[in-house]
Amino acid sequence: MYRTQILIEPEQHKALAEIAHREKRSLSDVVREMLQKQLEERKKLDLELAAKALLADYRSDPELTVFSALDNEDFHA
């Protein structure tokens, strides 16, 4: 882990401290969990935006979906 220092608003600190106290966890642990959830959400959003950006290409270029029909077929070697 890396040690870092951030500045937060007093209301943010109070809310985080209350959560940490209520859940019997450290404030750092609560912040790490919230940060991880936000990073996951942003990654999901980035993937959704990338998929939307490619949607027009997939709709207009049949070569990009030519193998889609094979997805439902069973493979027997």
Protein backbone atom coordinates (compact mmCIF):
# COMPACT_ATOMS: atom_id res chain seq x y z
CA MET A 1 0.00 0.00 0.00
CA TYR A 2 1.00 3.59 -0.53
CA ARG A 3 0.67 6.25 2.11
CA THR A 4 -0.94 9.41 0.79
CA GLN A 5 -2.30 12.60 2.22
CA ILE A 6 -5.51 14.28 1.06
CA LEU A 7 -7.55 17.25 2.16
CA ILE A 8 -11.27 16.70 2.66
CA GLU A 9 -14.07 18.94 3.79
CA PRO A 10 -15.04 18.85 7.49
CA GLU A 11 -18.46 17.41 6.61
CA GLN A 12 -16.81 14.62 4.62
CA HIS A 13 -14.50 13.78 7.51
CA LYS A 14 -17.40 13.75 9.96
CA ALA A 15 -19.45 11.43 7.73
CA LEU A 16 -16.51 9.08 7.17
CA ALA A 17 -15.68 9.02 10.87
CA GLU A 18 -19.30 8.20 11.74
CA ILE A 19 -19.35 5.33 9.26
CA ALA A 20 -16.04 4.01 10.55
CA HIS A 21 -17.21 4.21 14.17
CA ARG A 22 -20.56 2.58 13.41
CA GLU A 23 -18.91 -0.26 11.49
CA LYS A 24 -15.97 -0.59 13.92
CA ARG A 25 -13.49 0.03 11.11
CA SER A 26 -10.70 2.47 10.54
CA LEU A 27 -11.38 5.66 8.66
CA SER A 28 -8.68 4.62 6.18
CA ASP A 29 -10.44 1.33 5.53
CA VAL A 30 -13.73 3.10 4.84
CA VAL A 31 -12.02 5.53 2.46
CA ARG A 32 -10.22 2.69 0.63
CA GLU A 33 -13.49 0.81 0.19
CA MET A 34 -15.31 3.87 -1.14
CA LEU A 35 -12.43 4.70 -3.46
CA GLN A 36 -12.38 1.14 -4.82
CA LYS A 37 -16.12 1.22 -5.49
CA GLN A 38 -15.78 4.55 -7.30
CA LEU A 39 -12.88 3.25 -9.41
CA GLU A 40 -14.92 0.18 -10.37
CA GLU A 41 -17.89 2.37 -11.28
CA ARG A 42 -15.72 4.62 -13.44
CA LYS A 43 -14.19 1.61 -15.20
CA LYS A 44 -17.69 0.29 -15.93
CA LEU A 45 -18.72 3.69 -17.28
CA ASP A 46 -15.61 3.85 -19.48
CA LEU A 47 -16.44 0.42 -20.93
CA GLU A 48 -20.04 1.47 -21.58
CA LEU A 49 -18.87 4.62 -23.37
CA ALA A 50 -16.41 2.60 -25.46
CA ALA A 51 -19.15 0.13 -26.40
CA LYS A 52 -21.49 2.97 -27.41
CA ALA A 53 -18.72 4.53 -29.49
CA LEU A 54 -18.28 1.25 -31.40
CA LEU A 55 -21.99 0.48 -31.77
CA ALA A 56 -22.38 2.32 -35.08
CA ASP A 57 -19.44 0.40 -36.55
CA TYR A 58 -20.89 -2.94 -35.46
CA ARG A 59 -24.28 -2.08 -36.92
CA SER A 60 -22.89 -0.96 -40.27
CA ASP A 61 -20.06 -3.48 -40.83
CA PRO A 62 -21.28 -7.09 -41.08
CA GLU A 63 -17.70 -8.39 -40.98
CA LEU A 64 -17.48 -7.37 -37.34
CA THR A 65 -20.35 -9.69 -36.38
CA VAL A 66 -19.81 -12.54 -38.83
CA PHE A 67 -18.82 -14.95 -36.05
CA SER A 68 -21.69 -14.03 -33.74
CA ALA A 69 -23.83 -16.83 -35.15
CA LEU A 70 -21.23 -19.33 -33.95
CA ASP A 71 -21.67 -18.22 -30.35
CA ASN A 72 -24.77 -20.39 -29.98
CA GLU A 73 -23.37 -23.47 -31.65
CA ASP A 74 -21.88 -26.28 -29.61
CA PHE A 75 -18.25 -27.02 -30.31
CA HIS A 76 -17.26 -30.65 -30.78
CA ALA A 77 -13.64 -31.53 -31.40
